[in-house]
């Protein structure tokens, strides 16, 4: 199986990425026990299918270690050249407080060691507390480490539009911001996408299949309750659906997506992901990978075979227009983590 060229993006001058990123949040716990041997074998399957780009973080359990082990096995079995075709985007999520170059560098060095790389492809920075302005110091020190070659590119995770503007105004070059964006959560359309387009910043989106709720499995099904929601993702995105409009409206959305999916001979998840991929400023969609437990490689590839027409988009938008305004309810991108 080979992905078409349209599934790749020249993200930066030195990084060509797959627009469907393999999300590694699921190895951090709360999604089933992950066996390292099975997980690494699964990573080979993803890369062999053309899914070359990984999204992870310092706090996603053993995710950075998995990347390090995968790289070593890839080099051992296929040579140094093979490892140049994969990209691994990590995150640093420090506790707010005073930031020194030593603190920043020590944490970057941990990721370098764990991932077994000389330079991080992309460091996506998250900060919990905007009232603590030390995030600007952290980013300035990361920019110095970028100049020294320890980081190739700087990015953000769950920053809102206002603070993304502050960071760009400070002269710090940001290449992407990772935000929640789905047919349920369209908050990036309000302000974020416009600012990103102005500054050539890409959005990497998560939650685009609502943890698996945007799928045939939940079509025409009664509303799931606590025990049915057996992963952290399902709990998180069911709460988002409740805020958005509830289970009845969600069933209407699923039914509409099913009609469109059948028309194009793809899955509901394919339609949901493709719609987001086609939005302004979106560089890629992160789809969670429960490595060694549940794989969706073949289905994910169909995202790139799909071309939604104007009628499809109109039908989807008609359902969305009946929902509550999450921007008014929750705030801008990432505000749900800072309330």
C-alpha atoms as a PDB file:
ATOM      1  CA  UNK A   1       0.000   0.000   0.000  1.00  0.00           C
ATOM      2  CA  UNK A   2       1.378   3.386  -1.021  1.00  0.00           C
ATOM      3  CA  UNK A   3      -0.133   6.732  -0.119  1.00  0.00           C
ATOM      4  CA  UNK A   4      -0.610   9.274  -2.930  1.00  0.00           C
ATOM      5  CA  UNK A   5       1.663  12.327  -3.072  1.00  0.00           C
ATOM      6  CA  UNK A   6      -1.290  14.479  -1.956  1.00  0.00           C
ATOM      7  CA  UNK A   7      -0.992  12.852   1.471  1.00  0.00           C
ATOM      8  CA  UNK A   8       2.332  14.629   2.068  1.00  0.00           C
ATOM      9  CA  UNK A   9       3.123  18.256   2.833  1.00  0.00           C
ATOM     10  CA  UNK A  10       6.390  20.156   2.540  1.00  0.00           C
ATOM     11  CA  UNK A  11       5.906  21.493   6.054  1.00  0.00           C
ATOM     12  CA  UNK A  12       9.250  23.269   6.306  1.00  0.00           C
ATOM     13  CA  UNK A  13      12.182  23.450   3.903  1.00  0.00           C
ATOM     14  CA  UNK A  14      13.716  20.361   5.558  1.00  0.00           C
ATOM     15  CA  UNK A  15      10.626  18.407   6.694  1.00  0.00           C
ATOM     16  CA  UNK A  16       8.217  16.661   4.345  1.00  0.00           C
ATOM     17  CA  UNK A  17       5.475  15.147   6.486  1.00  0.00           C
ATOM     18  CA  UNK A  18       2.487  12.861   6.150  1.00  0.00           C
ATOM     19  CA  UNK A  19      -0.683  14.931   6.639  1.00  0.00           C
ATOM     20  CA  UNK A  20      -2.118  12.156   8.809  1.00  0.00           C
ATOM     21  CA  UNK A  21       0.084  12.063  11.902  1.00  0.00           C
ATOM     22  CA  UNK A  22       0.300   9.013  14.149  1.00  0.00           C
ATOM     23  CA  UNK A  23      -0.711  10.211  17.606  1.00  0.00           C
ATOM     24  CA  UNK A  24       1.029   8.574  20.557  1.00  0.00           C
ATOM     25  CA  UNK A  25      -1.091   9.961  23.420  1.00  0.00           C
ATOM     26  CA  UNK A  26      -2.650   6.509  23.638  1.00  0.00           C
ATOM     27  CA  UNK A  27       0.573   4.949  24.961  1.00  0.00           C
ATOM     28  CA  UNK A  28       0.495   7.237  28.018  1.00  0.00           C
ATOM     29  CA  UNK A  29      -2.130   5.180  29.860  1.00  0.00           C
ATOM     30  CA  UNK A  30      -5.907   5.109  29.985  1.00  0.00           C
ATOM     31  CA  UNK A  31      -6.212   3.386  26.600  1.00  0.00           C
ATOM     32  CA  UNK A  32      -5.214  -0.197  27.425  1.00  0.00           C
ATOM     33  CA  UNK A  33      -1.898  -1.779  28.307  1.00  0.00           C
ATOM     34  CA  UNK A  34       0.766  -1.269  25.627  1.00  0.00           C
ATOM     35  CA  UNK A  35       3.362  -3.963  24.990  1.00  0.00           C
ATOM     36  CA  UNK A  36       6.632  -2.383  23.776  1.00  0.00           C
ATOM     37  CA  UNK A  37       7.583  -5.199  21.399  1.00  0.00           C
ATOM     38  CA  UNK A  38       4.135  -5.191  19.768  1.00  0.00           C
ATOM     39  CA  UNK A  39       4.135  -1.385  19.671  1.00  0.00           C
ATOM     40  CA  UNK A  40       7.487  -1.203  17.833  1.00  0.00           C
ATOM     41  CA  UNK A  41       6.347  -3.849  15.339  1.00  0.00           C
ATOM     42  CA  UNK A  42       3.219  -1.779  14.759  1.00  0.00           C
ATOM     43  CA  UNK A  43       5.331   1.350  14.159  1.00  0.00           C
ATOM     44  CA  UNK A  44       7.111  -0.454  11.327  1.00  0.00           C
ATOM     45  CA  UNK A  45       3.709  -1.242   9.784  1.00  0.00           C
ATOM     46  CA  UNK A  46       2.659   2.417   9.911  1.00  0.00           C
ATOM     47  CA  UNK A  47       5.863   3.652   8.308  1.00  0.00           C
ATOM     48  CA  UNK A  48       5.824   0.920   5.648  1.00  0.00           C
ATOM     49  CA  UNK A  49       2.295   2.047   4.741  1.00  0.00           C
ATOM     50  CA  UNK A  50       3.547   5.622   4.287  1.00  0.00           C
ATOM     51  CA  UNK A  51       2.486   7.104   7.647  1.00  0.00           C
ATOM     52  CA  UNK A  52       5.893   8.545   8.440  1.00  0.00           C
ATOM     53  CA  UNK A  53       5.091  11.290  10.971  1.00  0.00           C
ATOM     54  CA  UNK A  54       4.662  10.822  14.728  1.00  0.00           C
ATOM     55  CA  UNK A  55       3.176  13.136  17.339  1.00  0.00           C
ATOM     56  CA  UNK A  56       4.234  12.592  20.952  1.00  0.00           C
ATOM     57  CA  UNK A  57       5.236  14.379  24.152  1.00  0.00           C
ATOM     58  CA  UNK A  58       7.584  14.200  27.100  1.00  0.00           C
ATOM     59  CA  UNK A  59       4.637  13.192  29.336  1.00  0.00           C
ATOM     60  CA  UNK A  60       3.082  10.549  27.051  1.00  0.00           C
ATOM     61  CA  UNK A  61       4.459   7.686  29.127  1.00  0.00           C
ATOM     62  CA  UNK A  62       7.133   5.798  27.141  1.00  0.00           C
ATOM     63  CA  UNK A  63       6.374   7.536  23.794  1.00  0.00           C
ATOM     64  CA  UNK A  64       9.771   9.222  23.436  1.00  0.00           C
ATOM     65  CA  UNK A  65      11.508   5.953  24.417  1.00  0.00           C
ATOM     66  CA  UNK A  66       9.485   4.084  21.781  1.00  0.00           C
ATOM     67  CA  UNK A  67      10.690   6.537  19.127  1.00  0.00           C
ATOM     68  CA  UNK A  68      14.296   6.000  20.281  1.00  0.00           C
ATOM     69  CA  UNK A  69      13.980   2.211  20.134  1.00  0.00           C
ATOM     70  CA  UNK A  70      12.155   2.347  16.804  1.00  0.00           C
ATOM     71  CA  UNK A  71      14.911   4.509  15.310  1.00  0.00           C
ATOM     72  CA  UNK A  72      17.615   2.125  16.533  1.00  0.00           C
ATOM     73  CA  UNK A  73      15.815  -0.898  15.072  1.00  0.00           C
ATOM     74  CA  UNK A  74      15.164   0.937  11.815  1.00  0.00           C
ATOM     75  CA  UNK A  75      18.848   1.816  11.446  1.00  0.00           C
ATOM     76  CA  UNK A  76      19.945  -1.714  12.412  1.00  0.00           C
ATOM     77  CA  UNK A  77      17.645  -3.428   9.912  1.00  0.00           C
ATOM     78  CA  UNK A  78      17.450  -0.918   7.053  1.00  0.00           C
ATOM     79  CA  UNK A  79      20.395   1.427   7.378  1.00  0.00           C
ATOM     80  CA  UNK A  80      20.907   5.060   8.357  1.00  0.00           C
ATOM     81  CA  UNK A  81      19.061   6.398   5.324  1.00  0.00           C
ATOM     82  CA  UNK A  82      15.741   4.815   6.388  1.00  0.00           C
ATOM     83  CA  UNK A  83      15.560   6.901   9.546  1.00  0.00           C
ATOM     84  CA  UNK A  84      15.729  10.145   7.544  1.00  0.00           C
ATOM     85  CA  UNK A  85      12.267   9.399   6.165  1.00  0.00           C
ATOM     86  CA  UNK A  86      10.477   9.570   9.525  1.00  0.00           C
ATOM     87  CA  UNK A  87       9.571  12.652  11.558  1.00  0.00           C
ATOM     88  CA  UNK A  88       8.907  12.742  15.300  1.00  0.00           C
ATOM     89  CA  UNK A  89       7.266  15.812  16.824  1.00  0.00           C
ATOM     90  CA  UNK A  90       7.501  15.952  20.604  1.00  0.00           C
ATOM     91  CA  UNK A  91       6.240  18.407  23.236  1.00  0.00           C
ATOM     92  CA  UNK A  92       7.551  19.992  26.380  1.00  0.00           C
ATOM     93  CA  UNK A  93       4.945  20.716  29.047  1.00  0.00           C
ATOM     94  CA  UNK A  94       6.723  22.307  32.027  1.00  0.00           C
ATOM     95  CA  UNK A  95       5.190  23.547  35.234  1.00  0.00           C
ATOM     96  CA  UNK A  96       4.932  27.340  35.136  1.00  0.00           C
ATOM     97  CA  UNK A  97       7.624  29.224  37.019  1.00  0.00           C
ATOM     98  CA  UNK A  98      10.943  30.927  36.420  1.00  0.00           C
ATOM     99  CA  UNK A  99      12.645  29.743  33.247  1.00  0.00           C
ATOM    100  CA  UNK A 100      16.430  29.752  32.847  1.00  0.00           C
ATOM    101  CA  UNK A 101      18.443  28.538  29.904  1.00  0.00           C
ATOM    102  CA  UNK A 102      19.716  25.698  32.112  1.00  0.00           C
ATOM    103  CA  UNK A 103      16.185  24.492  32.929  1.00  0.00           C
ATOM    104  CA  UNK A 104      15.134  24.637  29.289  1.00  0.00           C
ATOM    105  CA  UNK A 105      18.275  22.947  27.989  1.00  0.00           C
ATOM    106  CA  UNK A 106      18.158  20.161  30.588  1.00  0.00           C
ATOM    107  CA  UNK A 107      14.617  19.279  29.525  1.00  0.00           C
ATOM    108  CA  UNK A 108      15.434  19.434  25.819  1.00  0.00           C
ATOM    109  CA  UNK A 109      18.424  17.167  26.477  1.00  0.00           C
ATOM    110  CA  UNK A 110      16.138  14.583  28.132  1.00  0.00           C
ATOM    111  CA  UNK A 111      14.005  14.391  24.971  1.00  0.00           C
ATOM    112  CA  UNK A 112      17.121  14.201  22.764  1.00  0.00           C
ATOM    113  CA  UNK A 113      18.410  11.251  24.797  1.00  0.00           C
ATOM    114  CA  UNK A 114      15.113   9.408  24.996  1.00  0.00           C
ATOM    115  CA  UNK A 115      14.409   9.794  21.274  1.00  0.00           C
ATOM    116  CA  UNK A 116      18.052   9.068  20.380  1.00  0.00           C
ATOM    117  CA  UNK A 117      18.390  12.088  18.074  1.00  0.00           C
ATOM    118  CA  UNK A 118      20.937  14.895  17.745  1.00  0.00           C
ATOM    119  CA  UNK A 119      18.242  17.470  16.946  1.00  0.00           C
ATOM    120  CA  UNK A 120      14.489  17.518  17.614  1.00  0.00           C
ATOM    121  CA  UNK A 121      12.446  17.841  14.409  1.00  0.00           C
ATOM    122  CA  UNK A 122       9.773  19.914  16.140  1.00  0.00           C
ATOM    123  CA  UNK A 123       9.448  21.037  19.740  1.00  0.00           C
ATOM    124  CA  UNK A 124       5.792  21.831  20.521  1.00  0.00           C
ATOM    125  CA  UNK A 125       5.607  23.941  23.669  1.00  0.00           C
ATOM    126  CA  UNK A 126       2.652  24.069  26.063  1.00  0.00           C
ATOM    127  CA  UNK A 127       2.190  26.482  28.955  1.00  0.00           C
ATOM    128  CA  UNK A 128      -0.549  26.127  31.563  1.00  0.00           C
ATOM    129  CA  UNK A 129      -0.788  29.651  32.977  1.00  0.00           C
ATOM    130  CA  UNK A 130      -0.887  32.773  30.799  1.00  0.00           C
ATOM    131  CA  UNK A 131      -0.725  35.044  33.862  1.00  0.00           C
ATOM    132  CA  UNK A 132       2.838  33.764  34.309  1.00  0.00           C
ATOM    133  CA  UNK A 133       4.759  35.451  31.452  1.00  0.00           C
ATOM    134  CA  UNK A 134       7.787  33.148  31.822  1.00  0.00           C
ATOM    135  CA  UNK A 135       6.555  31.269  28.731  1.00  0.00           C
ATOM    136  CA  UNK A 136       8.211  33.978  26.622  1.00  0.00           C
ATOM    137  CA  UNK A 137      11.557  33.370  28.352  1.00  0.00           C
ATOM    138  CA  UNK A 138      11.211  29.622  27.768  1.00  0.00           C
ATOM    139  CA  UNK A 139      10.556  30.199  24.064  1.00  0.00           C
ATOM    140  CA  UNK A 140      13.468  32.632  23.743  1.00  0.00           C
ATOM    141  CA  UNK A 141      15.827  30.056  25.276  1.00  0.00           C
ATOM    142  CA  UNK A 142      14.422  27.389  22.947  1.00  0.00           C
ATOM    143  CA  UNK A 143      15.108  29.739  20.035  1.00  0.00           C
ATOM    144  CA  UNK A 144      18.740  29.922  21.223  1.00  0.00           C
ATOM    145  CA  UNK A 145      18.889  26.117  21.330  1.00  0.00           C
ATOM    146  CA  UNK A 146      17.444  26.106  17.822  1.00  0.00           C
ATOM    147  CA  UNK A 147      20.337  28.311  16.692  1.00  0.00           C
ATOM    148  CA  UNK A 148      22.722  25.866  18.396  1.00  0.00           C
ATOM    149  CA  UNK A 149      21.169  22.956  16.468  1.00  0.00           C
ATOM    150  CA  UNK A 150      19.364  21.072  19.252  1.00  0.00           C
ATOM    151  CA  UNK A 151      15.920  21.946  17.851  1.00  0.00           C
ATOM    152  CA  UNK A 152      15.036  22.270  14.168  1.00  0.00           C
ATOM    153  CA  UNK A 153      11.701  24.073  14.537  1.00  0.00           C
ATOM    154  CA  UNK A 154       9.621  25.671  17.300  1.00  0.00           C
ATOM    155  CA  UNK A 155       5.888  25.103  17.668  1.00  0.00           C
ATOM    156  CA  UNK A 156       3.084  25.435  20.195  1.00  0.00           C
ATOM    157  CA  UNK A 157       0.352  23.253  21.658  1.00  0.00           C
ATOM    158  CA  UNK A 158      -3.036  24.619  22.757  1.00  0.00           C
ATOM    159  CA  UNK A 159      -2.100  28.285  22.673  1.00  0.00           C
ATOM    160  CA  UNK A 160      -4.968  30.687  21.980  1.00  0.00           C
ATOM    161  CA  UNK A 161      -4.972  33.334  19.257  1.00  0.00           C
ATOM    162  CA  UNK A 162      -4.131  36.224  21.586  1.00  0.00           C
ATOM    163  CA  UNK A 163      -1.003  34.572  22.969  1.00  0.00           C
ATOM    164  CA  UNK A 164       0.091  33.212  19.596  1.00  0.00           C
ATOM    165  CA  UNK A 165       0.024  36.838  18.434  1.00  0.00           C
ATOM    166  CA  UNK A 166       2.088  37.938  21.454  1.00  0.00           C
ATOM    167  CA  UNK A 167       4.700  35.265  20.687  1.00  0.00           C
ATOM    168  CA  UNK A 168       4.975  36.155  16.990  1.00  0.00           C
ATOM    169  CA  UNK A 169       5.148  39.862  17.904  1.00  0.00           C
ATOM    170  CA  UNK A 170       8.100  38.999  20.163  1.00  0.00           C
ATOM    171  CA  UNK A 171       9.956  37.825  17.057  1.00  0.00           C
ATOM    172  CA  UNK A 172       9.827  34.106  17.830  1.00  0.00           C
ATOM    173  CA  UNK A 173       9.326  32.038  14.684  1.00  0.00           C
ATOM    174  CA  UNK A 174       6.554  29.487  15.250  1.00  0.00           C
ATOM    175  CA  UNK A 175       5.756  26.975  12.506  1.00  0.00           C
ATOM    176  CA  UNK A 176       2.679  25.237  13.976  1.00  0.00           C
ATOM    177  CA  UNK A 177       0.110  25.194  16.761  1.00  0.00           C
ATOM    178  CA  UNK A 178      -1.605  21.981  17.841  1.00  0.00           C
ATOM    179  CA  UNK A 179      -5.291  22.438  18.680  1.00  0.00           C
ATOM    180  CA  UNK A 180      -8.525  20.510  19.030  1.00  0.00           C
ATOM    181  CA  UNK A 181     -10.480  20.776  15.762  1.00  0.00           C
ATOM    182  CA  UNK A 182     -13.325  18.592  14.574  1.00  0.00           C
ATOM    183  CA  UNK A 183     -16.834  18.675  13.128  1.00  0.00           C
ATOM    184  CA  UNK A 184     -17.932  19.033  16.759  1.00  0.00           C
ATOM    185  CA  UNK A 185     -15.313  21.569  17.850  1.00  0.00           C
ATOM    186  CA  UNK A 186     -14.848  24.269  15.212  1.00  0.00           C
ATOM    187  CA  UNK A 187     -13.372  26.958  17.472  1.00  0.00           C
ATOM    188  CA  UNK A 188     -10.197  27.368  15.327  1.00  0.00           C
ATOM    189  CA  UNK A 189     -12.415  28.807  12.558  1.00  0.00           C
ATOM    190  CA  UNK A 190     -13.289  31.861  14.674  1.00  0.00           C
ATOM    191  CA  UNK A 191      -9.880  33.584  14.942  1.00  0.00           C
ATOM    192  CA  UNK A 192      -7.021  31.075  15.012  1.00  0.00           C
ATOM    193  CA  UNK A 193      -6.968  29.964  11.357  1.00  0.00           C
ATOM    194  CA  UNK A 194      -6.857  33.542  10.059  1.00  0.00           C
ATOM    195  CA  UNK A 195      -3.869  34.496  12.229  1.00  0.00           C
ATOM    196  CA  UNK A 196      -2.070  31.281  11.253  1.00  0.00           C
ATOM    197  CA  UNK A 197      -2.553  31.976   7.556  1.00  0.00           C
ATOM    198  CA  UNK A 198      -1.179  35.503   8.002  1.00  0.00           C
ATOM    199  CA  UNK A 199       1.998  34.180   9.648  1.00  0.00           C
ATOM    200  CA  UNK A 200       2.435  30.932   7.654  1.00  0.00           C
ATOM    201  CA  UNK A 201       1.743  28.831  10.753  1.00  0.00           C
ATOM    202  CA  UNK A 202       0.151  25.411  10.277  1.00  0.00           C
ATOM    203  CA  UNK A 203      -2.471  23.868  12.533  1.00  0.00           C
ATOM    204  CA  UNK A 204      -2.038  20.269  13.614  1.00  0.00           C
ATOM    205  CA  UNK A 205      -5.397  19.071  14.841  1.00  0.00           C
ATOM    206  CA  UNK A 206      -6.375  16.438  17.370  1.00  0.00           C
ATOM    207  CA  UNK A 207      -9.793  15.167  18.429  1.00  0.00           C
ATOM    208  CA  UNK A 208     -10.815  15.154  14.765  1.00  0.00           C
ATOM    209  CA  UNK A 209     -12.540  11.760  15.158  1.00  0.00           C
ATOM    210  CA  UNK A 210     -13.599  12.543  18.753  1.00  0.00           C
ATOM    211  CA  UNK A 211     -11.655   9.621  20.190  1.00  0.00           C
ATOM    212  CA  UNK A 212     -13.482   7.191  17.879  1.00  0.00           C
ATOM    213  CA  UNK A 213     -17.009   8.507  18.547  1.00  0.00           C
ATOM    214  CA  UNK A 214     -17.164   9.802  14.964  1.00  0.00           C
ATOM    215  CA  UNK A 215     -17.537   6.280  13.561  1.00  0.00           C
ATOM    216  CA  UNK A 216     -20.091   3.682  12.485  1.00  0.00           C
ATOM    217  CA  UNK A 217     -19.770   2.025  15.904  1.00  0.00           C
ATOM    218  CA  UNK A 218     -21.845   4.774  17.550  1.00  0.00           C
ATOM    219  CA  UNK A 219     -24.418   5.332  14.778  1.00  0.00           C
ATOM    220  CA  UNK A 220     -27.990   4.528  15.915  1.00  0.00           C
ATOM    221  CA  UNK A 221     -26.705   3.580  19.352  1.00  0.00           C
ATOM    222  CA  UNK A 222     -28.078   4.669  22.726  1.00  0.00           C
ATOM    223  CA  UNK A 223     -26.112   7.356  24.527  1.00  0.00           C
ATOM    224  CA  UNK A 224     -23.045   5.779  26.189  1.00  0.00           C
ATOM    225  CA  UNK A 225     -22.749   6.169  29.952  1.00  0.00           C
ATOM    226  CA  UNK A 226     -19.753   6.166  32.282  1.00  0.00           C
ATOM    227  CA  UNK A 227     -18.758   2.482  32.089  1.00  0.00           C
ATOM    228  CA  UNK A 228     -19.188   2.378  28.282  1.00  0.00           C
ATOM    229  CA  UNK A 229     -16.612   5.139  27.916  1.00  0.00           C
ATOM    230  CA  UNK A 230     -13.628   2.917  28.670  1.00  0.00           C
ATOM    231  CA  UNK A 231     -10.784   5.123  27.419  1.00  0.00           C
ATOM    232  CA  UNK A 232      -9.623   8.587  28.407  1.00  0.00           C
ATOM    233  CA  UNK A 233     -10.330   9.794  24.848  1.00  0.00           C
ATOM    234  CA  UNK A 234     -13.948   8.592  24.849  1.00  0.00           C
ATOM    235  CA  UNK A 235     -14.654  10.330  28.164  1.00  0.00           C
ATOM    236  CA  UNK A 236     -13.020  13.566  26.994  1.00  0.00           C
ATOM    237  CA  UNK A 237     -14.823  13.823  23.666  1.00  0.00           C
ATOM    238  CA  UNK A 238     -18.203  12.668  24.986  1.00  0.00           C
ATOM    239  CA  UNK A 239     -18.038  15.706  27.302  1.00  0.00           C
ATOM    240  CA  UNK A 240     -17.302  17.868  24.257  1.00  0.00           C
ATOM    241  CA  UNK A 241     -20.325  16.409  22.419  1.00  0.00           C
ATOM    242  CA  UNK A 242     -22.541  17.120  25.439  1.00  0.00           C
ATOM    243  CA  UNK A 243     -21.439  20.782  25.407  1.00  0.00           C
ATOM    244  CA  UNK A 244     -21.817  21.012  21.607  1.00  0.00           C
ATOM    245  CA  UNK A 245     -25.396  19.805  21.334  1.00  0.00           C
ATOM    246  CA  UNK A 246     -25.917  16.419  22.933  1.00  0.00           C
ATOM    247  CA  UNK A 247     -26.370  12.870  21.735  1.00  0.00           C
ATOM    248  CA  UNK A 248     -29.493  13.422  19.600  1.00  0.00           C
ATOM    249  CA  UNK A 249     -27.800  16.075  17.439  1.00  0.00           C
ATOM    250  CA  UNK A 250     -24.651  13.938  17.328  1.00  0.00           C
ATOM    251  CA  UNK A 251     -26.751  11.076  15.916  1.00  0.00           C
ATOM    252  CA  UNK A 252     -27.986  13.451  13.219  1.00  0.00           C
ATOM    253  CA  UNK A 253     -24.364  14.309  12.411  1.00  0.00           C
ATOM    254  CA  UNK A 254     -23.380  10.626  12.274  1.00  0.00           C
ATOM    255  CA  UNK A 255     -26.343   9.830  10.027  1.00  0.00           C
ATOM    256  CA  UNK A 256     -25.372  12.633   7.640  1.00  0.00           C
ATOM    257  CA  UNK A 257     -21.741  11.513   7.615  1.00  0.00           C
ATOM    258  CA  UNK A 258     -22.832   7.925   6.925  1.00  0.00           C
ATOM    259  CA  UNK A 259     -24.774   9.029   3.815  1.00  0.00           C
ATOM    260  CA  UNK A 260     -21.719  10.902   2.551  1.00  0.00           C
ATOM    261  CA  UNK A 261     -19.365   8.032   3.451  1.00  0.00           C
ATOM    262  CA  UNK A 262     -21.519   5.511   1.574  1.00  0.00           C
ATOM    263  CA  UNK A 263     -21.635   7.780  -1.467  1.00  0.00           C
ATOM    264  CA  UNK A 264     -17.808   7.852  -1.587  1.00  0.00           C
ATOM    265  CA  UNK A 265     -17.341   4.247  -0.338  1.00  0.00           C
ATOM    266  CA  UNK A 266     -15.313   5.310   2.682  1.00  0.00           C
ATOM    267  CA  UNK A 267     -15.891   5.400   6.453  1.00  0.00           C
ATOM    268  CA  UNK A 268     -17.470   8.049   8.695  1.00  0.00           C
ATOM    269  CA  UNK A 269     -14.041   8.697  10.227  1.00  0.00           C
ATOM    270  CA  UNK A 270     -12.582   9.263   6.746  1.00  0.00           C
ATOM    271  CA  UNK A 271     -15.174  11.946   6.005  1.00  0.00           C
ATOM    272  CA  UNK A 272     -14.633  13.628   9.396  1.00  0.00           C
ATOM    273  CA  UNK A 273     -10.850  13.742   8.933  1.00  0.00           C
ATOM    274  CA  UNK A 274     -10.962  14.798   5.284  1.00  0.00           C
ATOM    275  CA  UNK A 275     -13.250  17.726   6.116  1.00  0.00           C
ATOM    276  CA  UNK A 276     -10.753  19.052   8.685  1.00  0.00           C
ATOM    277  CA  UNK A 277      -7.761  18.465   6.386  1.00  0.00           C
ATOM    278  CA  UNK A 278      -9.418  20.751   3.842  1.00  0.00           C
ATOM    279  CA  UNK A 279      -9.841  23.673   6.268  1.00  0.00           C
ATOM    280  CA  UNK A 280      -7.662  26.796   5.982  1.00  0.00           C
ATOM    281  CA  UNK A 281      -4.286  26.643   7.782  1.00  0.00           C
ATOM    282  CA  UNK A 282      -4.584  22.931   8.612  1.00  0.00           C
ATOM    283  CA  UNK A 283      -1.318  21.149   7.909  1.00  0.00           C
ATOM    284  CA  UNK A 284      -2.223  17.774   9.312  1.00  0.00           C
ATOM    285  CA  UNK A 285      -4.652  15.758  11.416  1.00  0.00           C
ATOM    286  CA  UNK A 286      -3.395  13.632  14.312  1.00  0.00           C
ATOM    287  CA  UNK A 287      -5.120  10.260  14.571  1.00  0.00           C
ATOM    288  CA  UNK A 288      -4.447   8.312  17.751  1.00  0.00           C
ATOM    289  CA  UNK A 289      -2.603   5.001  17.398  1.00  0.00           C
ATOM    290  CA  UNK A 290      -3.247   2.321  20.024  1.00  0.00           C
ATOM    291  CA  UNK A 291      -0.020   0.602  19.033  1.00  0.00           C
ATOM    292  CA  UNK A 292      -0.231  -3.165  19.071  1.00  0.00           C
ATOM    293  CA  UNK A 293      -3.881  -3.061  20.226  1.00  0.00           C
ATOM    294  CA  UNK A 294      -6.022  -1.561  17.454  1.00  0.00           C
ATOM    295  CA  UNK A 295      -4.746  -0.501  14.037  1.00  0.00           C
ATOM    296  CA  UNK A 296      -6.621   1.534  11.415  1.00  0.00           C
ATOM    297  CA  UNK A 297      -3.885   1.752   8.795  1.00  0.00           C
ATOM    298  CA  UNK A 298      -5.941   0.599   5.798  1.00  0.00           C
ATOM    299  CA  UNK A 299      -8.957   2.706   6.736  1.00  0.00           C
ATOM    300  CA  UNK A 300      -6.843   5.807   7.429  1.00  0.00           C
ATOM    301  CA  UNK A 301      -5.314   5.597   3.954  1.00  0.00           C
ATOM    302  CA  UNK A 302      -8.760   6.084   2.410  1.00  0.00           C
ATOM    303  CA  UNK A 303      -8.829   9.660   3.726  1.00  0.00           C
ATOM    304  CA  UNK A 304      -6.643  10.615   0.761  1.00  0.00           C
ATOM    305  CA  UNK A 305      -8.874   8.888  -1.798  1.00  0.00           C
ATOM    306  CA  UNK A 306     -11.771  11.119  -0.856  1.00  0.00           C
ATOM    307  CA  UNK A 307     -12.854  14.423  -2.378  1.00  0.00           C
ATOM    308  CA  UNK A 308     -15.846  16.014  -0.682  1.00  0.00           C
ATOM    309  CA  UNK A 309     -18.048  18.037  -3.027  1.00  0.00           C
ATOM    310  CA  UNK A 310     -20.018  21.210  -2.284  1.00  0.00           C
ATOM    311  CA  UNK A 311     -23.188  19.237  -1.564  1.00  0.00           C
ATOM    312  CA  UNK A 312     -21.382  17.089   1.031  1.00  0.00           C
ATOM    313  CA  UNK A 313     -19.960  20.142   2.782  1.00  0.00           C
ATOM    314  CA  UNK A 314     -23.352  21.863   2.769  1.00  0.00           C
ATOM    315  CA  UNK A 315     -25.019  18.847   4.429  1.00  0.00           C
ATOM    316  CA  UNK A 316     -22.375  18.702   7.159  1.00  0.00           C
ATOM    317  CA  UNK A 317     -22.548  22.424   7.808  1.00  0.00           C
ATOM    318  CA  UNK A 318     -26.357  22.296   8.047  1.00  0.00           C
ATOM    319  CA  UNK A 319     -26.086  19.950  11.048  1.00  0.00           C
ATOM    320  CA  UNK A 320     -23.292  21.959  12.658  1.00  0.00           C
ATOM    321  CA  UNK A 321     -25.367  25.147  12.469  1.00  0.00           C
ATOM    322  CA  UNK A 322     -27.866  23.597  14.902  1.00  0.00           C
ATOM    323  CA  UNK A 323     -25.228  23.210  17.625  1.00  0.00           C
ATOM    324  CA  UNK A 324     -24.249  25.485  20.486  1.00  0.00           C
ATOM    325  CA  UNK A 325     -21.365  27.916  19.987  1.00  0.00           C
ATOM    326  CA  UNK A 326     -18.387  26.271  21.737  1.00  0.00           C
ATOM    327  CA  UNK A 327     -16.312  29.427  21.312  1.00  0.00           C
ATOM    328  CA  UNK A 328     -18.853  31.282  23.457  1.00  0.00           C
ATOM    329  CA  UNK A 329     -19.188  28.394  25.921  1.00  0.00           C
ATOM    330  CA  UNK A 330     -15.542  27.384  26.343  1.00  0.00           C
ATOM    331  CA  UNK A 331     -13.431  30.142  24.836  1.00  0.00           C
ATOM    332  CA  UNK A 332     -10.654  30.042  22.255  1.00  0.00           C
ATOM    333  CA  UNK A 333      -8.419  27.079  21.411  1.00  0.00           C
ATOM    334  CA  UNK A 334      -6.900  25.528  24.534  1.00  0.00           C
ATOM    335  CA  UNK A 335      -9.026  27.520  26.983  1.00  0.00           C
ATOM    336  CA  UNK A 336     -10.569  24.270  28.282  1.00  0.00           C
ATOM    337  CA  UNK A 337      -7.190  23.504  29.877  1.00  0.00           C
ATOM    338  CA  UNK A 338      -6.910  26.866  31.678  1.00  0.00           C
ATOM    339  CA  UNK A 339     -10.310  27.427  33.276  1.00  0.00           C
END
